[in-house]
């Protein structure tokens, strides 16, 4: 549990936590030499670069609250809030001190909201639509899903991952589910991502759905309800 109120201190802790988690996964971690960039870190994934803004997140009830906008003081305009555009930042990485856990958010979340809520526990009314489950955006699972998708793309076109015409940010957007609603029907997931979020997909199968596990873009196994 953290009792730090200084925003700069929280930002430093979040940035270091994200860098440590990325290094543990074997990713390259780069830091801009100049100031005033919209991103804090650059992560190397399969030879491609992902510009990442790091944020401190806190528990708010049963959700992790991530503020995905910045605020600065202007002598003429007062306090000005500014959101992050996909042209400035490829992803937002959030560190929750209450959980000691990192999360990775794609552009479709932080470009359309000032605050993103990641649900840790299911809703009491069992609602699944329009919810962002924290398990879907855990840093380790998100990176594994991204790498699996990039490998699958390279296998399809018969080239290396670095030759894909899509950006790494676009692949991240496609790799991560937007809401639990996208898993209501049969799902296909990469093996690494399946391993990282095993309990999540077991619950999905328990609800009566089928999960197909792929490796390098090819199906290798199937998880079905008992």
Protein backbone atom coordinates (compact mmCIF):
# COMPACT_ATOMS: atom_id res chain seq x y z
CA UNK A 1 0.00 0.00 0.00
CA UNK A 2 1.35 3.43 -0.98
CA UNK A 3 0.66 6.63 0.94
CA UNK A 4 2.42 8.99 -1.45
CA UNK A 5 0.53 12.16 -2.35
CA UNK A 6 3.14 13.96 -4.46
CA UNK A 7 2.23 13.51 -8.14
CA UNK A 8 5.86 13.68 -9.33
CA UNK A 9 6.85 10.93 -6.89
CA UNK A 10 3.98 8.75 -8.09
CA UNK A 11 4.96 9.34 -11.70
CA UNK A 12 8.55 8.32 -11.00
CA UNK A 13 7.46 5.16 -9.20
CA UNK A 14 5.08 4.24 -12.04
CA UNK A 15 7.74 4.77 -14.71
CA UNK A 16 10.31 2.66 -12.86
CA UNK A 17 7.76 -0.10 -12.21
CA UNK A 18 6.82 -0.27 -15.89
CA UNK A 19 10.49 -0.29 -16.94
CA UNK A 20 11.22 -3.10 -14.48
CA UNK A 21 8.26 -5.18 -15.70
CA UNK A 22 9.27 -4.68 -19.33
CA UNK A 23 12.88 -5.66 -18.58
CA UNK A 24 11.69 -8.81 -16.79
CA UNK A 25 9.89 -9.80 -19.99
CA UNK A 26 13.09 -9.36 -21.99
CA UNK A 27 12.00 -6.15 -23.76
CA UNK A 28 14.37 -3.33 -24.63
CA UNK A 29 13.67 -0.27 -22.49
CA UNK A 30 14.69 3.12 -23.91
CA UNK A 31 14.46 6.55 -22.26
CA UNK A 32 14.25 9.83 -24.25
CA UNK A 33 17.32 12.04 -23.70
CA UNK A 34 15.32 15.23 -24.21
CA UNK A 35 12.36 16.47 -22.20
CA UNK A 36 8.80 17.44 -23.13
CA UNK A 37 7.99 14.31 -25.12
CA UNK A 38 4.46 12.96 -24.75
CA UNK A 39 5.85 9.50 -23.97
CA UNK A 40 8.03 8.48 -21.03
CA UNK A 41 9.58 5.26 -22.36
CA UNK A 42 10.12 3.45 -25.63
CA UNK A 43 9.82 -0.34 -25.48
CA UNK A 44 11.39 -2.60 -28.07
CA UNK A 45 9.08 -5.50 -28.98
CA UNK A 46 10.28 -7.95 -31.63
CA UNK A 47 12.55 -5.32 -33.14
CA UNK A 48 9.80 -2.69 -33.29
CA UNK A 49 9.33 0.33 -31.04
CA UNK A 50 6.34 1.19 -28.85
CA UNK A 51 6.09 4.72 -27.39
CA UNK A 52 4.64 4.43 -23.90
CA UNK A 53 3.28 7.04 -21.49
CA UNK A 54 3.46 5.83 -17.87
CA UNK A 55 0.70 6.59 -15.38
CA UNK A 56 0.09 6.00 -11.70
CA UNK A 57 -3.22 4.23 -11.04
CA UNK A 58 -5.17 3.67 -7.84
CA UNK A 59 -7.99 1.42 -6.70
CA UNK A 60 -11.43 3.01 -6.78
CA UNK A 61 -13.82 0.51 -5.26
CA UNK A 62 -13.52 -2.66 -7.33
CA UNK A 63 -11.81 -0.93 -10.26
CA UNK A 64 -8.36 0.37 -11.13
CA UNK A 65 -8.70 4.03 -12.11
CA UNK A 66 -6.25 5.28 -14.73
CA UNK A 67 -6.27 8.97 -15.59
CA UNK A 68 -5.22 9.16 -19.25
CA UNK A 69 -4.97 12.93 -19.61
CA UNK A 70 -2.38 15.47 -18.52
CA UNK A 71 -2.86 18.86 -16.90
CA UNK A 72 -0.68 21.96 -16.99
CA UNK A 73 -1.02 25.58 -15.89
CA UNK A 74 -1.10 28.36 -18.49
CA UNK A 75 -0.63 32.00 -17.41
CA UNK A 76 -3.45 33.05 -19.76
CA UNK A 77 -5.72 29.98 -19.80
CA UNK A 78 -5.37 28.64 -16.25
CA UNK A 79 -5.27 24.87 -15.79
CA UNK A 80 -5.56 23.11 -19.13
CA UNK A 81 -6.35 19.43 -19.55
CA UNK A 82 -4.83 17.66 -22.53
CA UNK A 83 -5.59 14.17 -23.78
CA UNK A 84 -3.15 11.82 -25.51
CA UNK A 85 -3.44 11.32 -29.26
CA UNK A 86 -2.49 8.14 -31.07
CA UNK A 87 0.01 10.18 -33.10
CA UNK A 88 1.87 11.13 -29.90
CA UNK A 89 1.68 7.93 -27.85
CA UNK A 90 1.30 4.30 -28.92
CA UNK A 91 0.18 2.94 -25.55
CA UNK A 92 -0.37 3.93 -21.93
CA UNK A 93 1.18 1.77 -19.22
CA UNK A 94 -0.33 2.12 -15.75
CA UNK A 95 1.13 0.96 -12.44
CA UNK A 96 -1.33 0.36 -9.60
CA UNK A 97 0.50 0.68 -6.28
CA UNK A 98 -2.43 -0.88 -4.41
CA UNK A 99 -2.07 -4.08 -6.44
CA UNK A 100 1.65 -3.77 -7.26
CA UNK A 101 0.70 -4.57 -10.86
CA UNK A 102 1.18 -3.01 -14.31
CA UNK A 103 -1.37 -2.70 -17.10
CA UNK A 104 -1.07 -1.77 -20.79
CA UNK A 105 -3.81 0.22 -22.56
CA UNK A 106 -4.22 0.50 -26.36
CA UNK A 107 -5.04 3.75 -28.15
CA UNK A 108 -8.77 3.10 -28.47
CA UNK A 109 -9.09 3.48 -24.69
CA UNK A 110 -6.94 6.51 -23.90
CA UNK A 111 -7.90 8.58 -26.98
CA UNK A 112 -11.62 8.46 -26.20
CA UNK A 113 -11.67 8.78 -22.40
CA UNK A 114 -10.12 11.07 -19.80
CA UNK A 115 -10.22 8.25 -17.25
CA UNK A 116 -10.20 4.50 -17.83
CA UNK A 117 -11.64 2.10 -15.24
CA UNK A 118 -10.33 -1.47 -15.25
CA UNK A 119 -12.72 -3.75 -13.41
CA UNK A 120 -10.97 -6.12 -10.97
CA UNK A 121 -14.10 -7.90 -9.70
CA UNK A 122 -17.21 -8.82 -11.74
CA UNK A 123 -20.19 -6.46 -11.55
CA UNK A 124 -22.80 -7.45 -8.99
CA UNK A 125 -25.47 -7.57 -11.68
CA UNK A 126 -23.21 -9.79 -13.85
CA UNK A 127 -22.98 -7.05 -16.50
CA UNK A 128 -20.24 -7.72 -19.05
CA UNK A 129 -20.96 -5.28 -21.86
CA UNK A 130 -19.13 -1.94 -21.85
CA UNK A 131 -16.75 -3.08 -19.10
CA UNK A 132 -12.97 -3.18 -19.27
CA UNK A 133 -11.72 -6.12 -17.23
CA UNK A 134 -8.33 -5.61 -15.60
CA UNK A 135 -7.36 -9.18 -16.50
CA UNK A 136 -7.58 -8.29 -20.20
CA UNK A 137 -4.96 -5.55 -19.87
CA UNK A 138 -2.38 -7.03 -17.49
CA UNK A 139 1.03 -5.97 -18.79
CA UNK A 140 2.51 -9.45 -19.10
CA UNK A 141 -0.51 -10.87 -20.89
CA UNK A 142 -0.84 -7.83 -23.16
CA UNK A 143 2.79 -8.10 -24.30
CA UNK A 144 2.42 -11.86 -24.83
CA UNK A 145 -0.73 -11.29 -26.90
CA UNK A 146 1.02 -8.59 -28.94
CA UNK A 147 4.05 -10.80 -29.63
CA UNK A 148 1.81 -13.72 -30.56
CA UNK A 149 -0.13 -11.59 -33.00
CA UNK A 150 3.02 -10.16 -34.58
CA UNK A 151 4.47 -13.66 -34.97
CA UNK A 152 1.19 -14.82 -36.52
CA UNK A 153 1.20 -11.91 -38.96
CA UNK A 154 4.77 -12.70 -39.97
CA UNK A 155 3.93 -16.38 -40.44
CA UNK A 156 1.03 -15.52 -42.71
CA UNK A 157 3.01 -13.20 -44.98
CA UNK A 158 6.12 -15.37 -44.78
CA UNK A 159 8.40 -12.61 -43.54
CA UNK A 160 9.90 -11.25 -40.36
CA UNK A 161 7.76 -9.35 -37.81
CA UNK A 162 9.58 -6.13 -38.64
CA UNK A 163 8.36 -6.18 -42.24
CA UNK A 164 4.68 -5.76 -41.39
CA UNK A 165 3.09 -2.60 -42.78
CA UNK A 166 0.92 -2.12 -39.69
CA UNK A 167 2.29 -0.21 -36.72
CA UNK A 168 2.95 -1.86 -33.38
CA UNK A 169 0.25 0.36 -31.86
CA UNK A 170 -2.30 -0.95 -34.39
CA UNK A 171 -1.30 -4.52 -33.58
CA UNK A 172 -1.77 -3.81 -29.88
CA UNK A 173 -5.24 -2.41 -30.55
CA UNK A 174 -6.16 -5.55 -32.50
CA UNK A 175 -4.55 -7.95 -30.04
CA UNK A 176 -6.30 -6.76 -26.89
CA UNK A 177 -10.06 -7.14 -26.33
CA UNK A 178 -11.97 -3.94 -25.82
CA UNK A 179 -14.51 -5.46 -23.41
CA UNK A 180 -15.55 -8.82 -22.05
CA UNK A 181 -18.45 -8.61 -24.53
CA UNK A 182 -16.01 -9.45 -27.33
CA UNK A 183 -15.51 -12.87 -25.71
CA UNK A 184 -19.19 -13.82 -25.62
CA UNK A 185 -18.72 -16.08 -28.64
CA UNK A 186 -15.99 -18.62 -29.37
CA UNK A 187 -12.56 -17.05 -28.98
CA UNK A 188 -9.16 -17.71 -30.54
CA UNK A 189 -6.09 -16.70 -28.50
CA UNK A 190 -2.34 -17.11 -28.76
CA UNK A 191 -0.68 -19.73 -26.55
CA UNK A 192 1.45 -17.26 -24.59
CA UNK A 193 -1.52 -14.99 -23.92
CA UNK A 194 -3.63 -18.03 -22.95
CA UNK A 195 -0.94 -19.09 -20.45
CA UNK A 196 -0.70 -15.58 -19.00
CA UNK A 197 -4.48 -15.33 -18.45
CA UNK A 198 -5.43 -18.98 -17.93
CA UNK A 199 -8.06 -18.32 -15.24
CA UNK A 200 -9.74 -15.69 -17.42
CA UNK A 201 -10.23 -18.11 -20.32
CA UNK A 202 -11.23 -20.99 -18.06
CA UNK A 203 -14.05 -18.80 -16.76
CA UNK A 204 -14.98 -17.99 -20.34
CA UNK A 205 -15.25 -21.71 -21.14
CA UNK A 206 -17.13 -22.30 -17.91
CA UNK A 207 -19.76 -19.86 -19.18
CA UNK A 208 -20.42 -22.28 -22.06
CA UNK A 209 -18.01 -20.92 -24.68
CA UNK A 210 -15.16 -22.47 -26.65
CA UNK A 211 -11.58 -21.18 -26.60
CA UNK A 212 -9.22 -22.12 -29.45
CA UNK A 213 -5.51 -21.83 -28.65
CA UNK A 214 -3.11 -20.96 -31.48
CA UNK A 215 0.67 -20.97 -31.90
CA UNK A 216 2.25 -18.87 -34.65
CA UNK A 217 -1.25 -18.25 -35.95
CA UNK A 218 -2.18 -21.95 -36.27
CA UNK A 219 -4.71 -23.73 -33.98
CA UNK A 220 -3.10 -26.30 -31.66
CA UNK A 221 -5.65 -26.95 -28.89
CA UNK A 222 -9.20 -26.29 -27.78
CA UNK A 223 -10.75 -25.52 -24.38
CA UNK A 224 -14.43 -26.45 -24.09
CA UNK A 225 -16.96 -26.54 -21.23
CA UNK A 226 -16.91 -29.68 -19.08
